[in-house]
């Protein structure tokens, strides 16, 4: 049984559009999880970088969809997806370091 990549890409794009129309965004942070109790400069810095990372991911997705539809240059699509991948890897690495630091603090004697 041969897999037709054009059909799979079209189905993926259709499902993505349906998810966007229904408001299902798996990467969204629930509003109750966001704290706004007098954020300091560090939290502003982190929030700014996370917003930039999210914007880069959205731009990459939009450009990938345009590429699937034949409306974007393949080089631009590959570059945008690569940038989004590097950004995601950076965010995950920073998250891992923060979790590791938190665990170290929990292990400290009082």
N, C-alpha and C. Protein backbone atom coordinates (compact mmCIF):
# COMPACT_ATOMS: atom_id res chain seq x y z
N UNK A 1 0.84 -1.18 0.00
CA UNK A 1 0.00 0.00 0.00
C UNK A 1 0.88 1.23 0.00
N UNK A 2 0.80 2.01 -1.06
CA UNK A 2 1.63 3.21 -1.19
C UNK A 2 0.97 4.38 -0.48
N UNK A 3 1.80 5.21 0.14
CA UNK A 3 1.31 6.40 0.84
C UNK A 3 1.50 7.59 -0.10
N UNK A 4 0.45 8.32 -0.33
CA UNK A 4 0.51 9.51 -1.17
C UNK A 4 0.81 10.71 -0.29
N UNK A 5 2.03 11.29 -0.36
CA UNK A 5 2.37 12.40 0.53
C UNK A 5 1.51 13.63 0.29
N UNK A 6 1.04 13.83 -0.92
CA UNK A 6 0.22 15.02 -1.18
C UNK A 6 -1.10 14.94 -0.42
N UNK A 7 -1.68 13.75 -0.35
CA UNK A 7 -2.94 13.58 0.38
C UNK A 7 -2.70 13.78 1.87
N UNK A 8 -1.61 13.22 2.41
CA UNK A 8 -1.32 13.37 3.83
C UNK A 8 -1.07 14.82 4.20
N UNK A 9 -0.36 15.55 3.35
CA UNK A 9 -0.10 16.96 3.61
C UNK A 9 -1.40 17.75 3.56
N UNK A 10 -2.22 17.46 2.59
CA UNK A 10 -3.51 18.16 2.48
C UNK A 10 -4.39 17.86 3.69
N UNK A 11 -4.40 16.60 4.13
CA UNK A 11 -5.19 16.25 5.30
C UNK A 11 -4.66 16.94 6.55
N UNK A 12 -3.35 16.99 6.69
CA UNK A 12 -2.74 17.65 7.84
C UNK A 12 -3.09 19.14 7.85
N UNK A 13 -3.01 19.77 6.70
CA UNK A 13 -3.36 21.19 6.62
C UNK A 13 -4.83 21.41 6.95
N UNK A 14 -5.69 20.52 6.47
CA UNK A 14 -7.11 20.64 6.75
C UNK A 14 -7.38 20.47 8.25
N UNK A 15 -6.77 19.48 8.87
CA UNK A 15 -6.95 19.27 10.30
C UNK A 15 -6.41 20.43 11.11
N UNK A 16 -5.28 20.98 10.67
CA UNK A 16 -4.71 22.13 11.37
C UNK A 16 -5.68 23.32 11.30
N UNK A 17 -6.23 23.57 10.12
CA UNK A 17 -7.18 24.67 9.97
C UNK A 17 -8.42 24.44 10.84
N UNK A 18 -8.91 23.21 10.91
CA UNK A 18 -10.06 22.91 11.75
C UNK A 18 -9.74 23.17 13.22
N UNK A 19 -8.54 22.79 13.64
CA UNK A 19 -8.15 23.02 15.03
C UNK A 19 -8.06 24.51 15.33
N UNK A 20 -7.55 25.28 14.40
CA UNK A 20 -7.46 26.72 14.60
C UNK A 20 -8.84 27.36 14.66
N UNK A 21 -9.77 26.89 13.84
CA UNK A 21 -11.12 27.45 13.82
C UNK A 21 -11.89 27.10 15.09
N UNK A 22 -11.65 25.93 15.66
CA UNK A 22 -12.36 25.53 16.86
C UNK A 22 -11.72 26.10 18.12
N UNK A 23 -10.57 26.72 17.98
CA UNK A 23 -9.89 27.31 19.13
C UNK A 23 -9.06 26.33 19.92
N UNK A 24 -8.82 25.15 19.39
CA UNK A 24 -8.00 24.16 20.08
C UNK A 24 -6.54 24.48 19.80
N UNK A 25 -5.83 24.93 20.81
CA UNK A 25 -4.41 25.22 20.66
C UNK A 25 -3.66 24.48 21.77
N UNK A 26 -3.03 23.35 21.45
CA UNK A 26 -2.42 22.53 22.49
C UNK A 26 -1.26 23.19 23.21
N UNK A 27 -0.62 24.19 22.63
CA UNK A 27 0.53 24.82 23.25
C UNK A 27 0.16 26.05 24.07
N UNK A 28 -1.12 26.37 24.16
CA UNK A 28 -1.54 27.56 24.88
C UNK A 28 -1.45 27.32 26.39
N UNK A 29 -1.05 28.32 27.13
CA UNK A 29 -0.97 28.25 28.58
C UNK A 29 -2.32 28.69 29.12
N UNK A 30 -2.96 27.87 29.95
CA UNK A 30 -4.26 28.27 30.51
C UNK A 30 -4.13 29.56 31.30
N UNK A 31 -5.14 30.40 31.24
CA UNK A 31 -5.06 31.71 31.89
C UNK A 31 -4.94 31.60 33.39
N UNK A 32 -5.46 30.55 34.01
CA UNK A 32 -5.35 30.42 35.45
C UNK A 32 -3.91 30.10 35.88
N UNK A 33 -3.07 29.64 34.96
CA UNK A 33 -1.69 29.32 35.29
C UNK A 33 -0.77 30.52 35.20
N UNK A 34 -1.26 31.61 34.68
CA UNK A 34 -0.43 32.81 34.52
C UNK A 34 -0.59 33.66 35.77
N UNK A 35 0.54 33.96 36.41
CA UNK A 35 0.50 34.77 37.62
C UNK A 35 0.94 36.19 37.28
N UNK A 36 0.24 37.16 37.84
CA UNK A 36 0.59 38.55 37.59
C UNK A 36 0.75 39.31 38.89
N UNK A 37 1.33 38.67 39.90
CA UNK A 37 1.53 39.30 41.19
C UNK A 37 2.82 40.10 41.20
N UNK A 38 2.76 41.33 40.71
CA UNK A 38 3.90 42.24 40.70
C UNK A 38 5.15 41.59 40.11
N UNK A 39 5.12 41.28 38.82
CA UNK A 39 6.28 40.62 38.21
C UNK A 39 7.51 41.54 38.22
N UNK A 40 8.65 40.94 38.48
CA UNK A 40 9.89 41.70 38.53
C UNK A 40 10.58 41.72 37.18
N UNK A 41 11.76 42.33 37.13
CA UNK A 41 12.50 42.42 35.86
C UNK A 41 12.85 41.05 35.28
N UNK A 42 13.18 40.08 36.13
CA UNK A 42 13.54 38.75 35.61
C UNK A 42 12.34 38.09 34.94
N UNK A 43 11.19 38.18 35.59
CA UNK A 43 10.00 37.56 35.00
C UNK A 43 9.61 38.27 33.71
N UNK A 44 9.83 39.60 33.65
CA UNK A 44 9.57 40.33 32.40
C UNK A 44 10.49 39.84 31.29
N UNK A 45 11.74 39.59 31.63
CA UNK A 45 12.71 39.11 30.66
C UNK A 45 12.31 37.72 30.14
N UNK A 46 11.96 36.84 31.05
CA UNK A 46 11.56 35.48 30.66
C UNK A 46 10.29 35.52 29.83
N UNK A 47 9.32 36.31 30.27
CA UNK A 47 8.06 36.42 29.53
C UNK A 47 8.30 36.96 28.13
N UNK A 48 9.18 37.93 28.01
CA UNK A 48 9.50 38.49 26.69
C UNK A 48 10.10 37.45 25.76
N UNK A 49 11.03 36.66 26.29
CA UNK A 49 11.65 35.62 25.46
C UNK A 49 10.65 34.53 25.08
N UNK A 50 9.78 34.16 26.00
CA UNK A 50 8.77 33.15 25.69
C UNK A 50 7.78 33.67 24.64
N UNK A 51 7.42 34.94 24.74
CA UNK A 51 6.53 35.52 23.73
C UNK A 51 7.20 35.53 22.36
N UNK A 52 8.48 35.86 22.32
CA UNK A 52 9.22 35.85 21.05
C UNK A 52 9.28 34.43 20.49
N UNK A 53 9.51 33.45 21.34
CA UNK A 53 9.57 32.06 20.88
C UNK A 53 8.22 31.62 20.33
N UNK A 54 7.14 31.98 21.02
CA UNK A 54 5.81 31.62 20.55
C UNK A 54 5.50 32.29 19.21
N UNK A 55 5.88 33.56 19.07
CA UNK A 55 5.65 34.27 17.82
C UNK A 55 6.45 33.64 16.68
N UNK A 56 7.68 33.25 16.96
CA UNK A 56 8.50 32.59 15.94
C UNK A 56 7.88 31.27 15.51
N UNK A 57 7.33 30.52 16.46
CA UNK A 57 6.66 29.26 16.14
C UNK A 57 5.42 29.48 15.28
N UNK A 58 4.65 30.51 15.60
CA UNK A 58 3.45 30.81 14.82
C UNK A 58 3.81 31.24 13.41
N UNK A 59 4.84 32.06 13.28
CA UNK A 59 5.30 32.50 11.97
C UNK A 59 5.77 31.31 11.14
N UNK A 60 6.49 30.41 11.78
CA UNK A 60 6.97 29.21 11.10
C UNK A 60 5.80 28.36 10.61
N UNK A 61 4.78 28.19 11.45
CA UNK A 61 3.61 27.41 11.05
C UNK A 61 2.90 28.04 9.87
N UNK A 62 2.74 29.35 9.91
CA UNK A 62 2.06 30.05 8.82
C UNK A 62 2.84 29.91 7.52
N UNK A 63 4.15 30.04 7.61
CA UNK A 63 4.99 29.92 6.42
C UNK A 63 4.98 28.48 5.89
N UNK A 64 4.94 27.51 6.79
CA UNK A 64 4.87 26.10 6.36
C UNK A 64 3.55 25.82 5.63
N UNK A 65 2.47 26.38 6.12
CA UNK A 65 1.17 26.21 5.45
C UNK A 65 1.20 26.86 4.08
N UNK A 66 1.80 28.04 3.99
CA UNK A 66 1.92 28.70 2.69
C UNK A 66 2.78 27.86 1.75
N UNK A 67 3.81 27.22 2.28
CA UNK A 67 4.66 26.36 1.47
C UNK A 67 3.91 25.15 0.96
N UNK A 68 3.06 24.57 1.81
CA UNK A 68 2.25 23.43 1.40
C UNK A 68 1.31 23.83 0.27
N UNK A 69 0.79 25.03 0.36
CA UNK A 69 -0.14 25.53 -0.65
C UNK A 69 0.57 26.05 -1.89
N UNK A 70 1.90 26.03 -1.88
CA UNK A 70 2.68 26.48 -3.03
C UNK A 70 2.79 27.99 -3.12
N UNK A 71 2.57 28.70 -2.01
CA UNK A 71 2.60 30.16 -2.02
C UNK A 71 3.87 30.74 -1.40
N UNK A 72 4.79 29.89 -0.97
CA UNK A 72 6.01 30.39 -0.33
C UNK A 72 7.22 29.67 -0.92
N UNK A 73 8.36 30.32 -0.82
CA UNK A 73 9.62 29.77 -1.29
C UNK A 73 10.05 28.66 -0.34
N UNK A 74 10.48 27.54 -0.88
CA UNK A 74 10.88 26.39 -0.07
C UNK A 74 12.04 26.74 0.86
N UNK A 75 12.96 27.55 0.42
CA UNK A 75 14.10 27.94 1.26
C UNK A 75 13.62 28.72 2.48
N UNK A 76 12.65 29.61 2.29
CA UNK A 76 12.11 30.38 3.41
C UNK A 76 11.39 29.47 4.41
N UNK A 77 10.67 28.48 3.89
CA UNK A 77 9.96 27.54 4.76
C UNK A 77 10.95 26.74 5.59
N UNK A 78 11.98 26.21 4.95
CA UNK A 78 12.97 25.40 5.67
C UNK A 78 13.70 26.24 6.70
N UNK A 79 14.04 27.47 6.35
CA UNK A 79 14.72 28.36 7.29
C UNK A 79 13.84 28.66 8.50
N UNK A 80 12.57 28.97 8.26
CA UNK A 80 11.65 29.29 9.36
C UNK A 80 11.44 28.09 10.27
N UNK A 81 11.29 26.90 9.69
CA UNK A 81 11.09 25.70 10.50
C UNK A 81 12.36 25.39 11.30
N UNK A 82 13.53 25.58 10.71
CA UNK A 82 14.79 25.34 11.42
C UNK A 82 14.94 26.32 12.58
N UNK A 83 14.60 27.58 12.36
CA UNK A 83 14.67 28.57 13.44
C UNK A 83 13.72 28.21 14.57
N UNK A 84 12.53 27.77 14.22
CA UNK A 84 11.56 27.37 15.24
C UNK A 84 12.06 26.16 16.02
N UNK A 85 12.70 25.22 15.33
CA UNK A 85 13.23 24.03 15.99
C UNK A 85 14.34 24.40 16.97
N UNK A 86 15.25 25.27 16.55
CA UNK A 86 16.34 25.70 17.43
C UNK A 86 15.79 26.46 18.64
N UNK A 87 14.78 27.29 18.40
CA UNK A 87 14.17 28.04 19.49
C UNK A 87 13.51 27.09 20.48
N UNK A 88 12.80 26.09 19.98
CA UNK A 88 12.16 25.11 20.87
C UNK A 88 13.20 24.34 21.67
N UNK A 89 14.28 23.94 21.03
CA UNK A 89 15.34 23.23 21.74
C UNK A 89 15.95 24.11 22.84
N UNK A 90 16.09 25.39 22.56
CA UNK A 90 16.63 26.32 23.56
C UNK A 90 15.68 26.47 24.74
N UNK A 91 14.39 26.62 24.44
CA UNK A 91 13.39 26.75 25.51
C UNK A 91 13.37 25.49 26.37
N UNK A 92 13.44 24.33 25.75
CA UNK A 92 13.44 23.07 26.51
C UNK A 92 14.70 22.97 27.36
N UNK A 93 15.84 23.36 26.83
CA UNK A 93 17.09 23.30 27.60
C UNK A 93 17.03 24.24 28.81
N UNK A 94 16.50 25.44 28.62
CA UNK A 94 16.38 26.38 29.73
C UNK A 94 15.40 25.84 30.77
N UNK A 95 14.29 25.29 30.31
CA UNK A 95 13.32 24.70 31.23
C UNK A 95 13.96 23.59 32.06
N UNK A 96 14.74 22.73 31.40
CA UNK A 96 15.40 21.64 32.11
C UNK A 96 16.36 22.17 33.17
N UNK A 97 17.08 23.23 32.85
CA UNK A 97 18.02 23.82 33.83
C UNK A 97 17.27 24.43 35.00
N UNK A 98 16.14 25.07 34.74
CA UNK A 98 15.35 25.66 35.82
C UNK A 98 14.80 24.57 36.73
N UNK A 99 14.31 23.50 36.15
CA UNK A 99 13.80 22.38 36.95
C UNK A 99 14.92 21.77 37.77
N UNK A 100 16.09 21.61 37.16
CA UNK A 100 17.24 21.06 37.87
C UNK A 100 17.64 21.96 39.04
N UNK A 101 17.65 23.27 38.83
CA UNK A 101 17.99 24.21 39.90
C UNK A 101 16.94 24.15 41.02
N UNK A 102 15.68 24.05 40.66
CA UNK A 102 14.61 23.95 41.65
C UNK A 102 14.78 22.70 42.50
N UNK A 103 15.11 21.59 41.86
CA UNK A 103 15.32 20.34 42.61
C UNK A 103 16.51 20.45 43.55
N UNK A 104 17.56 21.15 43.10
CA UNK A 104 18.72 21.35 43.97
C UNK A 104 18.34 22.18 45.19
N UNK A 105 17.51 23.18 44.99
CA UNK A 105 17.07 24.00 46.12
C UNK A 105 16.25 23.17 47.09
N UNK A 106 15.40 22.28 46.58
CA UNK A 106 14.61 21.43 47.45
C UNK A 106 15.49 20.47 48.27
N UNK A 107 16.62 20.07 47.72
CA UNK A 107 17.52 19.14 48.41
C UNK A 107 18.36 19.84 49.48
N UNK A 108 18.41 21.16 49.48
CA UNK A 108 19.24 21.87 50.45
C UNK A 108 18.67 21.70 51.86
N UNK A 109 19.56 21.50 52.82
CA UNK A 109 19.08 21.40 54.22
C UNK A 109 18.66 22.78 54.72
N UNK A 110 17.69 22.78 55.61
CA UNK A 110 17.21 24.06 56.15
C UNK A 110 17.88 24.40 57.43
